[in-house]
Amino acid sequence: MEEPPHDTTHWTSAAMAEAVGVSVSSVQRVWRAHGLQPHPIRQFKLSKDSEFVDKRRDIVGLYVDPPAHAVVLSVDEKSQIQALDRTQPGLPLRKGRAVTMTHDYKRHGRPRCSLR
């Protein structure tokens, strides 16, 4: 129930084994015996955008039927590095429940850019 060591975002079996003083396989056996899966994450977001469905159709349409001689690129502004600091803490790991986290995150002053 403690924070992971150093600048890591989650406990690994190797980090847990080192912290407790047992083998990695022992940590994995204990996690398995208690049904703990510390790495799976479930998250979702319901959009409040009234035009969401239309925008989604436009974007999916580009992939399904791209214009002739076009290159379709996807850029995700929420890279794993940026999305580490969430606006609210997640719920703790419990048997049968994956780690939870909010869909939004703190930007830490990084400006948004858009190419037109």
PDB file of N, CA and C in Angstrom:
ATOM      1  N   MET A   1       0.810  -1.194   0.000  1.00  0.00           N
ATOM      2  CA  MET A   1       0.000   0.000   0.000  1.00  0.00           C
ATOM      3  C   MET A   1       0.860   1.268   0.000  1.00  0.00           C
ATOM      4  N   GLU A   2       2.156   1.131  -0.208  1.00  0.00           N
ATOM      5  CA  GLU A   2       3.039   2.285  -0.256  1.00  0.00           C
ATOM      6  C   GLU A   2       3.276   2.698  -1.695  1.00  0.00           C
ATOM      7  N   GLU A   3       3.732   3.938  -1.858  1.00  0.00           N
ATOM      8  CA  GLU A   3       4.083   4.436  -3.190  1.00  0.00           C
ATOM      9  C   GLU A   3       5.258   3.628  -3.733  1.00  0.00           C
ATOM     10  N   PRO A   4       5.333   3.452  -5.057  1.00  0.00           N
ATOM     11  CA  PRO A   4       6.466   2.725  -5.640  1.00  0.00           C
ATOM     12  C   PRO A   4       7.766   3.514  -5.449  1.00  0.00           C
ATOM     13  N   PRO A   5       8.889   2.840  -5.507  1.00  0.00           N
ATOM     14  CA  PRO A   5      10.168   3.502  -5.256  1.00  0.00           C
ATOM     15  C   PRO A   5      10.573   4.475  -6.357  1.00  0.00           C
ATOM     16  N   HIS A   6      11.340   5.464  -5.967  1.00  0.00           N
ATOM     17  CA  HIS A   6      11.980   6.425  -6.881  1.00  0.00           C
ATOM     18  C   HIS A   6      10.951   7.151  -7.742  1.00  0.00           C
ATOM     19  N   ASP A   7      11.239   7.275  -9.021  1.00  0.00           N
ATOM     20  CA  ASP A   7      10.359   8.006  -9.936  1.00  0.00           C
ATOM     21  C   ASP A   7       9.480   7.078 -10.763  1.00  0.00           C
ATOM     22  N   THR A   8       9.214   5.888 -10.275  1.00  0.00           N
ATOM     23  CA  THR A   8       8.390   4.943 -11.036  1.00  0.00           C
ATOM     24  C   THR A   8       6.912   5.213 -10.800  1.00  0.00           C
ATOM     25  N   THR A   9       6.087   4.758 -11.729  1.00  0.00           N
ATOM     26  CA  THR A   9       4.648   5.004 -11.645  1.00  0.00           C
ATOM     27  C   THR A   9       3.889   3.867 -10.981  1.00  0.00           C
ATOM     28  N   HIS A  10       4.466   2.672 -10.967  1.00  0.00           N
ATOM     29  CA  HIS A  10       3.792   1.531 -10.356  1.00  0.00           C
ATOM     30  C   HIS A  10       4.823   0.510  -9.876  1.00  0.00           C
ATOM     31  N   TRP A  11       4.369  -0.385  -9.035  1.00  0.00           N
ATOM     32  CA  TRP A  11       5.236  -1.453  -8.547  1.00  0.00           C
ATOM     33  C   TRP A  11       5.413  -2.515  -9.622  1.00  0.00           C
ATOM     34  N   THR A  12       6.622  -2.963  -9.819  1.00  0.00           N
ATOM     35  CA  THR A  12       6.880  -4.142 -10.645  1.00  0.00           C
ATOM     36  C   THR A  12       7.184  -5.284  -9.693  1.00  0.00           C
ATOM     37  N   SER A  13       7.108  -6.496 -10.184  1.00  0.00           N
ATOM     38  CA  SER A  13       7.417  -7.632  -9.311  1.00  0.00           C
ATOM     39  C   SER A  13       8.876  -7.575  -8.868  1.00  0.00           C
ATOM     40  N   ALA A  14       9.767  -7.086  -9.736  1.00  0.00           N
ATOM     41  CA  ALA A  14      11.187  -6.986  -9.364  1.00  0.00           C
ATOM     42  C   ALA A  14      11.395  -5.942  -8.266  1.00  0.00           C
ATOM     43  N   ALA A  15      10.731  -4.781  -8.396  1.00  0.00           N
ATOM     44  CA  ALA A  15      10.861  -3.734  -7.377  1.00  0.00           C
ATOM     45  C   ALA A  15      10.273  -4.193  -6.052  1.00  0.00           C
ATOM     46  N   MET A  16       9.140  -4.881  -6.100  1.00  0.00           N
ATOM     47  CA  MET A  16       8.521  -5.396  -4.875  1.00  0.00           C
ATOM     48  C   MET A  16       9.412  -6.435  -4.218  1.00  0.00           C
ATOM     49  N   ALA A  17       9.993  -7.319  -5.028  1.00  0.00           N
ATOM     50  CA  ALA A  17      10.877  -8.357  -4.484  1.00  0.00           C
ATOM     51  C   ALA A  17      12.087  -7.735  -3.792  1.00  0.00           C
ATOM     52  N   GLU A  18      12.658  -6.724  -4.413  1.00  0.00           N
ATOM     53  CA  GLU A  18      13.821  -6.055  -3.822  1.00  0.00           C
ATOM     54  C   GLU A  18      13.447  -5.341  -2.524  1.00  0.00           C
ATOM     55  N   ALA A  19      12.297  -4.667  -2.505  1.00  0.00           N
ATOM     56  CA  ALA A  19      11.870  -3.929  -1.321  1.00  0.00           C
ATOM     57  C   ALA A  19      11.568  -4.840  -0.144  1.00  0.00           C
ATOM     58  N   VAL A  20      11.014  -6.019  -0.425  1.00  0.00           N
ATOM     59  CA  VAL A  20      10.606  -6.940   0.634  1.00  0.00           C
ATOM     60  C   VAL A  20      11.716  -7.931   0.983  1.00  0.00           C
ATOM     61  N   GLY A  21      12.636  -8.160   0.040  1.00  0.00           N
ATOM     62  CA  GLY A  21      13.737  -9.094   0.294  1.00  0.00           C
ATOM     63  C   GLY A  21      13.418 -10.535  -0.025  1.00  0.00           C
ATOM     64  N   VAL A  22      12.585 -10.737  -1.059  1.00  0.00           N
ATOM     65  CA  VAL A  22      12.258 -12.095  -1.504  1.00  0.00           C
ATOM     66  C   VAL A  22      12.516 -12.183  -3.006  1.00  0.00           C
ATOM     67  N   SER A  23      12.316 -13.373  -3.569  1.00  0.00           N
ATOM     68  CA  SER A  23      12.537 -13.543  -5.002  1.00  0.00           C
ATOM     69  C   SER A  23      11.358 -12.996  -5.804  1.00  0.00           C
ATOM     70  N   VAL A  24      11.621 -12.701  -7.080  1.00  0.00           N
ATOM     71  CA  VAL A  24      10.578 -12.209  -7.980  1.00  0.00           C
ATOM     72  C   VAL A  24       9.472 -13.249  -8.109  1.00  0.00           C
ATOM     73  N   SER A  25       9.838 -14.514  -8.222  1.00  0.00           N
ATOM     74  CA  SER A  25       8.818 -15.560  -8.361  1.00  0.00           C
ATOM     75  C   SER A  25       7.942 -15.658  -7.112  1.00  0.00           C
ATOM     76  N   SER A  26       8.504 -15.364  -5.930  1.00  0.00           N
ATOM     77  CA  SER A  26       7.695 -15.361  -4.705  1.00  0.00           C
ATOM     78  C   SER A  26       6.645 -14.252  -4.756  1.00  0.00           C
ATOM     79  N   VAL A  27       7.052 -13.073  -5.201  1.00  0.00           N
ATOM     80  CA  VAL A  27       6.108 -11.958  -5.333  1.00  0.00           C
ATOM     81  C   VAL A  27       5.012 -12.340  -6.322  1.00  0.00           C
ATOM     82  N   GLN A  28       5.382 -12.912  -7.458  1.00  0.00           N
ATOM     83  CA  GLN A  28       4.396 -13.300  -8.463  1.00  0.00           C
ATOM     84  C   GLN A  28       3.437 -14.361  -7.926  1.00  0.00           C
ATOM     85  N   ARG A  29       3.942 -15.300  -7.141  1.00  0.00           N
ATOM     86  CA  ARG A  29       3.072 -16.325  -6.549  1.00  0.00           C
ATOM     87  C   ARG A  29       2.067 -15.700  -5.584  1.00  0.00           C
ATOM     88  N   VAL A  30       2.522 -14.759  -4.758  1.00  0.00           N
ATOM     89  CA  VAL A  30       1.625 -14.108  -3.802  1.00  0.00           C
ATOM     90  C   VAL A  30       0.559 -13.298  -4.554  1.00  0.00           C
ATOM     91  N   TRP A  31       0.977 -12.541  -5.553  1.00  0.00           N
ATOM     92  CA  TRP A  31       0.006 -11.768  -6.328  1.00  0.00           C
ATOM     93  C   TRP A  31      -1.024 -12.690  -6.964  1.00  0.00           C
ATOM     94  N   ARG A  32      -0.559 -13.789  -7.561  1.00  0.00           N
ATOM     95  CA  ARG A  32      -1.467 -14.739  -8.217  1.00  0.00           C
ATOM     96  C   ARG A  32      -2.414 -15.371  -7.202  1.00  0.00           C
ATOM     97  N   ALA A  33      -1.895 -15.760  -6.014  1.00  0.00           N
ATOM     98  CA  ALA A  33      -2.713 -16.408  -4.987  1.00  0.00           C
ATOM     99  C   ALA A  33      -3.832 -15.499  -4.482  1.00  0.00           C
ATOM    100  N   HIS A  34      -3.591 -14.191  -4.508  1.00  0.00           N
ATOM    101  CA  HIS A  34      -4.587 -13.242  -4.022  1.00  0.00           C
ATOM    102  C   HIS A  34      -5.370 -12.569  -5.155  1.00  0.00           C
ATOM    103  N   GLY A  35      -5.160 -13.034  -6.374  1.00  0.00           N
ATOM    104  CA  GLY A  35      -5.894 -12.487  -7.515  1.00  0.00           C
ATOM    105  C   GLY A  35      -5.525 -11.051  -7.845  1.00  0.00           C
ATOM    106  N   LEU A  36      -4.315 -10.630  -7.489  1.00  0.00           N
ATOM    107  CA  LEU A  36      -3.888  -9.261  -7.755  1.00  0.00           C
ATOM    108  C   LEU A  36      -3.229  -9.161  -9.122  1.00  0.00           C
ATOM    109  N   GLN A  37      -3.651  -8.173  -9.878  1.00  0.00           N
ATOM    110  CA  GLN A  37      -3.061  -7.874 -11.174  1.00  0.00           C
ATOM    111  C   GLN A  37      -2.772  -6.380 -11.182  1.00  0.00           C
ATOM    112  N   PRO A  38      -1.598  -5.978 -10.705  1.00  0.00           N
ATOM    113  CA  PRO A  38      -1.339  -4.557 -10.509  1.00  0.00           C
ATOM    114  C   PRO A  38      -1.185  -3.730 -11.777  1.00  0.00           C
ATOM    115  N   HIS A  39      -1.009  -4.346 -12.919  1.00  0.00           N
ATOM    116  CA  HIS A  39      -0.734  -3.558 -14.119  1.00  0.00           C
ATOM    117  C   HIS A  39      -1.938  -3.282 -15.005  1.00  0.00           C
ATOM    118  N   PRO A  40      -2.966  -4.153 -15.075  1.00  0.00           N
ATOM    119  CA  PRO A  40      -4.118  -3.828 -15.910  1.00  0.00           C
ATOM    120  C   PRO A  40      -4.809  -2.558 -15.417  1.00  0.00           C
ATOM    121  N   ILE A  41      -5.209  -1.707 -16.337  1.00  0.00           N
ATOM    122  CA  ILE A  41      -5.876  -0.450 -16.001  1.00  0.00           C
ATOM    123  C   ILE A  41      -7.142  -0.359 -16.820  1.00  0.00           C
ATOM    124  N   ARG A  42      -8.232  -0.002 -16.181  1.00  0.00           N
ATOM    125  CA  ARG A  42      -9.486   0.218 -16.887  1.00  0.00           C
ATOM    126  C   ARG A  42      -9.841   1.681 -16.750  1.00  0.00           C
ATOM    127  N   GLN A  43     -10.167   2.306 -17.855  1.00  0.00           N
ATOM    128  CA  GLN A  43     -10.598   3.695 -17.807  1.00  0.00           C
ATOM    129  C   GLN A  43     -11.566   3.964 -18.944  1.00  0.00           C
ATOM    130  N   PHE A  44     -12.407   4.938 -18.755  1.00  0.00           N
ATOM    131  CA  PHE A  44     -13.309   5.348 -19.819  1.00  0.00           C
ATOM    132  C   PHE A  44     -13.699   6.792 -19.585  1.00  0.00           C
ATOM    133  N   LYS A  45     -14.211   7.401 -20.614  1.00  0.00           N
ATOM    134  CA  LYS A  45     -14.662   8.783 -20.519  1.00  0.00           C
ATOM    135  C   LYS A  45     -15.902   8.935 -21.370  1.00  0.00           C
ATOM    136  N   LEU A  46     -16.931   9.518 -20.802  1.00  0.00           N
ATOM    137  CA  LEU A  46     -18.115   9.854 -21.570  1.00  0.00           C
ATOM    138  C   LEU A  46     -17.953  11.291 -22.034  1.00  0.00           C
ATOM    139  N   SER A  47     -17.997  11.503 -23.325  1.00  0.00           N
ATOM    140  CA  SER A  47     -17.791  12.836 -23.862  1.00  0.00           C
ATOM    141  C   SER A  47     -19.013  13.709 -23.630  1.00  0.00           C
ATOM    142  N   LYS A  48     -18.756  14.969 -23.261  1.00  0.00           N
ATOM    143  CA  LYS A  48     -19.837  15.948 -23.091  1.00  0.00           C
ATOM    144  C   LYS A  48     -20.008  16.799 -24.354  1.00  0.00           C
ATOM    145  N   ASP A  49     -19.238  16.499 -25.377  1.00  0.00           N
ATOM    146  CA  ASP A  49     -19.287  17.246 -26.633  1.00  0.00           C
ATOM    147  C   ASP A  49     -20.539  16.838 -27.412  1.00  0.00           C
ATOM    148  N   SER A  50     -21.407  17.802 -27.702  1.00  0.00           N
ATOM    149  CA  SER A  50     -22.651  17.500 -28.422  1.00  0.00           C
ATOM    150  C   SER A  50     -22.391  17.050 -29.856  1.00  0.00           C
ATOM    151  N   GLU A  51     -21.205  17.358 -30.395  1.00  0.00           N
ATOM    152  CA  GLU A  51     -20.867  16.966 -31.766  1.00  0.00           C
ATOM    153  C   GLU A  51     -19.949  15.735 -31.804  1.00  0.00           C
ATOM    154  N   PHE A  52     -19.833  15.045 -30.692  1.00  0.00           N
ATOM    155  CA  PHE A  52     -18.900  13.923 -30.598  1.00  0.00           C
ATOM    156  C   PHE A  52     -19.163  12.845 -31.649  1.00  0.00           C
ATOM    157  N   VAL A  53     -20.412  12.446 -31.808  1.00  0.00           N
ATOM    158  CA  VAL A  53     -20.744  11.364 -32.745  1.00  0.00           C
ATOM    159  C   VAL A  53     -20.360  11.746 -34.173  1.00  0.00           C
ATOM    160  N   ASP A  54     -20.668  12.979 -34.570  1.00  0.00           N
ATOM    161  CA  ASP A  54     -20.318  13.428 -35.922  1.00  0.00           C
ATOM    162  C   ASP A  54     -18.804  13.480 -36.113  1.00  0.00           C
ATOM    163  N   LYS A  55     -18.095  13.998 -35.112  1.00  0.00           N
ATOM    164  CA  LYS A  55     -16.627  14.062 -35.195  1.00  0.00           C
ATOM    165  C   LYS A  55     -16.027  12.663 -35.281  1.00  0.00           C
ATOM    166  N   ARG A  56     -16.579  11.745 -34.484  1.00  0.00           N
ATOM    167  CA  ARG A  56     -16.076  10.371 -34.511  1.00  0.00           C
ATOM    168  C   ARG A  56     -16.282   9.742 -35.881  1.00  0.00           C
ATOM    169  N   ARG A  57     -17.454   9.950 -36.468  1.00  0.00           N
ATOM    170  CA  ARG A  57     -17.729   9.410 -37.813  1.00  0.00           C
ATOM    171  C   ARG A  57     -16.732   9.953 -38.830  1.00  0.00           C
ATOM    172  N   ASP A  58     -16.439  11.267 -38.750  1.00  0.00           N
ATOM    173  CA  ASP A  58     -15.480  11.881 -39.678  1.00  0.00           C
ATOM    174  C   ASP A  58     -14.102  11.247 -39.539  1.00  0.00           C
ATOM    175  N   ILE A  59     -13.655  11.075 -38.312  1.00  0.00           N
ATOM    176  CA  ILE A  59     -12.309  10.529 -38.076  1.00  0.00           C
ATOM    177  C   ILE A  59     -12.235   9.069 -38.490  1.00  0.00           C
ATOM    178  N   VAL A  60     -13.217   8.273 -38.077  1.00  0.00           N
ATOM    179  CA  VAL A  60     -13.217   6.856 -38.458  1.00  0.00           C
ATOM    180  C   VAL A  60     -13.325   6.724 -39.968  1.00  0.00           C
ATOM    181  N   GLY A  61     -14.094   7.608 -40.590  1.00  0.00           N
ATOM    182  CA  GLY A  61     -14.236   7.592 -42.049  1.00  0.00           C
ATOM    183  C   GLY A  61     -12.912   7.796 -42.764  1.00  0.00           C
ATOM    184  N   LEU A  62     -12.032   8.614 -42.192  1.00  0.00           N
ATOM    185  CA  LEU A  62     -10.709   8.808 -42.799  1.00  0.00           C
ATOM    186  C   LEU A  62      -9.920   7.503 -42.843  1.00  0.00           C
ATOM    187  N   TYR A  63     -10.063   6.694 -41.808  1.00  0.00           N
ATOM    188  CA  TYR A  63      -9.337   5.414 -41.774  1.00  0.00           C
ATOM    189  C   TYR A  63      -9.991   4.366 -42.657  1.00  0.00           C
ATOM    190  N   VAL A  64     -11.314   4.331 -42.644  1.00  0.00           N
ATOM    191  CA  VAL A  64     -12.040   3.318 -43.406  1.00  0.00           C
ATOM    192  C   VAL A  64     -11.975   3.608 -44.912  1.00  0.00           C
ATOM    193  N   ASP A  65     -12.124   4.863 -45.287  1.00  0.00           N
ATOM    194  CA  ASP A  65     -12.155   5.238 -46.699  1.00  0.00           C
ATOM    195  C   ASP A  65     -11.373   6.546 -46.892  1.00  0.00           C
ATOM    196  N   PRO A  66     -10.032   6.478 -46.849  1.00  0.00           N
ATOM    197  CA  PRO A  66      -9.240   7.716 -46.961  1.00  0.00           C
ATOM    198  C   PRO A  66      -9.347   8.315 -48.358  1.00  0.00           C
ATOM    199  N   PRO A  67      -9.205   9.647 -48.464  1.00  0.00           N
ATOM    200  CA  PRO A  67      -9.213  10.289 -49.783  1.00  0.00           C
ATOM    201  C   PRO A  67      -8.050   9.762 -50.630  1.00  0.00           C
ATOM    202  N   ALA A  68      -8.201   9.827 -51.935  1.00  0.00           N
ATOM    203  CA  ALA A  68      -7.147   9.356 -52.844  1.00  0.00           C
ATOM    204  C   ALA A  68      -5.858  10.136 -52.594  1.00  0.00           C
ATOM    205  N   HIS A  69      -4.738   9.445 -52.608  1.00  0.00           N
ATOM    206  CA  HIS A  69      -3.406  10.034 -52.449  1.00  0.00           C
ATOM    207  C   HIS A  69      -3.232  10.764 -51.112  1.00  0.00           C
ATOM    208  N   ALA A  70      -3.934  10.329 -50.091  1.00  0.00           N
ATOM    209  CA  ALA A  70      -3.844  10.979 -48.780  1.00  0.00           C
ATOM    210  C   ALA A  70      -3.079  10.091 -47.805  1.00  0.00           C
ATOM    211  N   VAL A  71      -2.436  10.731 -46.867  1.00  0.00           N
ATOM    212  CA  VAL A  71      -1.798  10.031 -45.754  1.00  0.00           C
ATOM    213  C   VAL A  71      -2.564  10.425 -44.507  1.00  0.00           C
ATOM    214  N   VAL A  72      -3.083   9.442 -43.774  1.00  0.00           N
ATOM    215  CA  VAL A  72      -3.846   9.710 -42.559  1.00  0.00           C
ATOM    216  C   VAL A  72      -2.955   9.408 -41.368  1.00  0.00           C
ATOM    217  N   LEU A  73      -2.735  10.418 -40.539  1.00  0.00           N
ATOM    218  CA  LEU A  73      -1.891  10.277 -39.357  1.00  0.00           C
ATOM    219  C   LEU A  73      -2.736  10.438 -38.104  1.00  0.00           C
ATOM    220  N   SER A  74      -2.371   9.716 -37.073  1.00  0.00           N
ATOM    221  CA  SER A  74      -3.044   9.845 -35.786  1.00  0.00           C
ATOM    222  C   SER A  74      -2.028  10.339 -34.761  1.00  0.00           C
ATOM    223  N   VAL A  75      -2.366  11.400 -34.053  1.00  0.00           N
ATOM    224  CA  VAL A  75      -1.489  11.954 -33.029  1.00  0.00           C
ATOM    225  C   VAL A  75      -2.266  12.009 -31.731  1.00  0.00           C
ATOM    226  N   ASP A  76      -1.738  11.374 -30.717  1.00  0.00           N
ATOM    227  CA  ASP A  76      -2.386  11.335 -29.412  1.00  0.00           C
ATOM    228  C   ASP A  76      -1.681  12.316 -28.497  1.00  0.00           C
ATOM    229  N   GLU A  77      -2.394  13.357 -28.063  1.00  0.00           N
ATOM    230  CA  GLU A  77      -1.747  14.344 -27.197  1.00  0.00           C
ATOM    231  C   GLU A  77      -1.509  13.810 -25.801  1.00  0.00           C
ATOM    232  N   LYS A  78      -2.147  12.702 -25.443  1.00  0.00           N
ATOM    233  CA  LYS A  78      -1.976  12.148 -24.106  1.00  0.00           C
ATOM    234  C   LYS A  78      -0.970  11.006 -24.135  1.00  0.00           C
ATOM    235  N   SER A  79       0.269  11.326 -24.385  1.00  0.00           N
ATOM    236  CA  SER A  79       1.282  10.279 -24.377  1.00  0.00           C
ATOM    237  C   SER A  79       1.420   9.738 -22.967  1.00  0.00           C
ATOM    238  N   GLN A  80       1.944   8.548 -22.814  1.00  0.00           N
ATOM    239  CA  GLN A  80       2.099   7.941 -21.495  1.00  0.00           C
ATOM    240  C   GLN A  80       2.969   8.806 -20.589  1.00  0.00           C
ATOM    241  N   ILE A  81       3.928   9.506 -21.150  1.00  0.00           N
ATOM    242  CA  ILE A  81       4.804  10.337 -20.328  1.00  0.00           C
ATOM    243  C   ILE A  81       4.022  11.529 -19.781  1.00  0.00           C
ATOM    244  N   GLN A  82       3.223  12.183 -20.625  1.00  0.00           N
ATOM    245  CA  GLN A  82       2.442  13.328 -20.173  1.00  0.00           C
ATOM    246  C   GLN A  82       1.357  12.933 -19.191  1.00  0.00           C
ATOM    247  N   ALA A  83       0.760  11.781 -19.376  1.00  0.00           N
ATOM    248  CA  ALA A  83      -0.448  11.431 -18.638  1.00  0.00           C
ATOM    249  C   ALA A  83      -0.177  10.817 -17.269  1.00  0.00           C
ATOM    250  N   LEU A  84       1.006  10.945 -16.736  1.00  0.00           N
ATOM    251  CA  LEU A  84       1.313  10.301 -15.468  1.00  0.00           C
ATOM    252  C   LEU A  84       0.634  10.959 -14.276  1.00  0.00           C
ATOM    253  N   ASP A  85       0.570  12.279 -14.238  1.00  0.00           N
ATOM    254  CA  ASP A  85      -0.022  12.961 -13.101  1.00  0.00           C
ATOM    255  C   ASP A  85      -1.497  13.215 -13.351  1.00  0.00           C
ATOM    256  N   ARG A  86      -2.339  12.425 -12.744  1.00  0.00           N
ATOM    257  CA  ARG A  86      -3.787  12.531 -12.917  1.00  0.00           C
ATOM    258  C   ARG A  86      -4.349  13.613 -12.005  1.00  0.00           C
ATOM    259  N   THR A  87      -5.544  14.099 -12.330  1.00  0.00           N
ATOM    260  CA  THR A  87      -6.152  15.154 -11.522  1.00  0.00           C
ATOM    261  C   THR A  87      -6.667  14.630 -10.194  1.00  0.00           C
ATOM    262  N   GLN A  88      -6.951  13.341 -10.102  1.00  0.00           N
ATOM    263  CA  GLN A  88      -7.404  12.731  -8.855  1.00  0.00           C
ATOM    264  C   GLN A  88      -6.689  11.401  -8.688  1.00  0.00           C
ATOM    265  N   PRO A  89      -6.446  10.981  -7.454  1.00  0.00           N
ATOM    266  CA  PRO A  89      -5.801   9.678  -7.258  1.00  0.00           C
ATOM    267  C   PRO A  89      -6.737   8.543  -7.669  1.00  0.00           C
ATOM    268  N   GLY A  90      -6.157   7.458  -8.144  1.00  0.00           N
ATOM    269  CA  GLY A  90      -6.948   6.293  -8.513  1.00  0.00           C
ATOM    270  C   GLY A  90      -7.366   5.502  -7.299  1.00  0.00           C
ATOM    271  N   LEU A  91      -8.300   4.576  -7.503  1.00  0.00           N
ATOM    272  CA  LEU A  91      -8.717   3.702  -6.410  1.00  0.00           C
ATOM    273  C   LEU A  91      -7.664   2.623  -6.211  1.00  0.00           C
ATOM    274  N   PRO A  92      -7.478   2.155  -4.987  1.00  0.00           N
ATOM    275  CA  PRO A  92      -6.443   1.152  -4.731  1.00  0.00           C
ATOM    276  C   PRO A  92      -6.771  -0.195  -5.365  1.00  0.00           C
ATOM    277  N   LEU A  93      -5.742  -0.956  -5.603  1.00  0.00           N
ATOM    278  CA  LEU A  93      -5.860  -2.299  -6.155  1.00  0.00           C
ATOM    279  C   LEU A  93      -6.553  -3.195  -5.144  1.00  0.00           C
ATOM    280  N   ARG A  94      -7.527  -3.978  -5.614  1.00  0.00           N
ATOM    281  CA  ARG A  94      -8.200  -4.964  -4.769  1.00  0.00           C
ATOM    282  C   ARG A  94      -8.397  -6.234  -5.574  1.00  0.00           C
ATOM    283  N   LYS A  95      -8.645  -7.305  -4.883  1.00  0.00           N
ATOM    284  CA  LYS A  95      -8.881  -8.574  -5.563  1.00  0.00           C
ATOM    285  C   LYS A  95     -10.057  -8.429  -6.520  1.00  0.00           C
ATOM    286  N   GLY A  96      -9.835  -8.795  -7.776  1.00  0.00           N
ATOM    287  CA  GLY A  96     -10.879  -8.742  -8.783  1.00  0.00           C
ATOM    288  C   GLY A  96     -11.098  -7.379  -9.403  1.00  0.00           C
ATOM    289  N   ARG A  97     -10.306  -6.368  -9.006  1.00  0.00           N
ATOM    290  CA  ARG A  97     -10.473  -5.035  -9.586  1.00  0.00           C
ATOM    291  C   ARG A  97      -9.126  -4.500 -10.036  1.00  0.00           C
ATOM    292  N   ALA A  98      -9.088  -4.027 -11.256  1.00  0.00           N
ATOM    293  CA  ALA A  98      -7.858  -3.444 -11.783  1.00  0.00           C
ATOM    294  C   ALA A  98      -7.647  -2.065 -11.172  1.00  0.00           C
ATOM    295  N   VAL A  99      -6.453  -1.546 -11.326  1.00  0.00           N
ATOM    296  CA  VAL A  99      -6.150  -0.190 -10.904  1.00  0.00           C
ATOM    297  C   VAL A  99      -7.046   0.760 -11.682  1.00  0.00           C
ATOM    298  N   THR A 100      -7.504   1.821 -11.052  1.00  0.00           N
ATOM    299  CA  THR A 100      -8.329   2.791 -11.763  1.00  0.00           C
ATOM    300  C   THR A 100      -7.621   4.136 -11.802  1.00  0.00           C
ATOM    301  N   MET A 101      -7.940   4.925 -12.808  1.00  0.00           N
ATOM    302  CA  MET A 101      -7.391   6.270 -12.905  1.00  0.00           C
ATOM    303  C   MET A 101      -8.357   7.133 -13.686  1.00  0.00           C
ATOM    304  N   THR A 102      -8.281   8.433 -13.451  1.00  0.00           N
ATOM    305  CA  THR A 102      -9.148   9.352 -14.168  1.00  0.00           C
ATOM    306  C   THR A 102      -8.659   9.506 -15.604  1.00  0.00           C
ATOM    307  N   HIS A 103      -9.545   9.983 -16.470  1.00  0.00           N
ATOM    308  CA  HIS A 103      -9.179  10.152 -17.878  1.00  0.00           C
ATOM    309  C   HIS A 103      -8.372  11.419 -18.101  1.00  0.00           C
ATOM    310  N   ASP A 104      -8.458  12.377 -17.173  1.00  0.00           N
ATOM    311  CA  ASP A 104      -7.772  13.644 -17.382  1.00  0.00           C
ATOM    312  C   ASP A 104      -6.504  13.742 -16.540  1.00  0.00           C
ATOM    313  N   TYR A 105      -5.665  14.680 -16.890  1.00  0.00           N
ATOM    314  CA  TYR A 105      -4.355  14.769 -16.273  1.00  0.00           C
ATOM    315  C   TYR A 105      -3.911  16.221 -16.177  1.00  0.00           C
ATOM    316  N   LYS A 106      -2.880  16.452 -15.400  1.00  0.00           N
ATOM    317  CA  LYS A 106      -2.318  17.790 -15.253  1.00  0.00           C
ATOM    318  C   LYS A 106      -1.304  18.025 -16.350  1.00  0.00           C
ATOM    319  N   ARG A 107      -1.335  19.191 -16.941  1.00  0.00           N
ATOM    320  CA  ARG A 107      -0.463  19.500 -18.075  1.00  0.00           C
ATOM    321  C   ARG A 107       0.925  19.961 -17.680  1.00  0.00           C
ATOM    322  N   HIS A 108       1.124  20.530 -16.525  1.00  0.00           N
ATOM    323  CA  HIS A 108       2.430  21.026 -16.073  1.00  0.00           C
ATOM    324  C   HIS A 108       3.004  22.066 -17.035  1.00  0.00           C
ATOM    325  N   GLY A 109       2.147  22.927 -17.543  1.00  0.00           N
ATOM    326  CA  GLY A 109       2.618  24.050 -18.350  1.00  0.00           C
ATOM    327  C   GLY A 109       2.984  23.748 -19.779  1.00  0.00           C
ATOM    328  N   ARG A 110       2.772  22.541 -20.249  1.00  0.00           N
ATOM    329  CA  ARG A 110       3.093  22.242 -21.655  1.00  0.00           C
ATOM    330  C   ARG A 110       1.995  22.816 -22.527  1.00  0.00           C
ATOM    331  N   PRO A 111       2.329  23.681 -23.459  1.00  0.00           N
ATOM    332  CA  PRO A 111       1.308  24.310 -24.304  1.00  0.00           C
ATOM    333  C   PRO A 111       0.731  23.337 -25.324  1.00  0.00           C
ATOM    334  N   ARG A 112      -0.509  23.538 -25.625  1.00  0.00           N
ATOM    335  CA  ARG A 112      -1.143  22.757 -26.702  1.00  0.00           C
ATOM    336  C   ARG A 112      -0.734  23.383 -28.027  1.00  0.00           C
ATOM    337  N   CYS A 113      -0.478  22.574 -29.020  1.00  0.00           N
ATOM    338  CA  CYS A 113      -0.186  23.111 -30.347  1.00  0.00           C
ATOM    339  C   CYS A 113      -1.089  22.417 -31.345  1.00  0.00           C
ATOM    340  N   SER A 114      -1.398  23.119 -32.377  1.00  0.00           N
ATOM    341  CA  SER A 114      -2.167  22.494 -33.448  1.00  0.00           C
ATOM    342  C   SER A 114      -1.569  22.936 -34.775  1.00  0.00           C
ATOM    343  N   LEU A 115      -1.533  22.013 -35.688  1.00  0.00           N
ATOM    344  CA  LEU A 115      -1.023  22.294 -37.042  1.00  0.00           C
ATOM    345  C   LEU A 115      -2.223  22.371 -37.960  1.00  0.00           C
ATOM    346  N   ARG A 116      -2.257  23.383 -38.748  1.00  0.00           N
ATOM    347  CA  ARG A 116      -3.392  23.538 -39.698  1.00  0.00           C
ATOM    348  C   ARG A 116      -2.863  23.586 -41.094  1.00  0.00           C
TER     349      ARG A 116
END
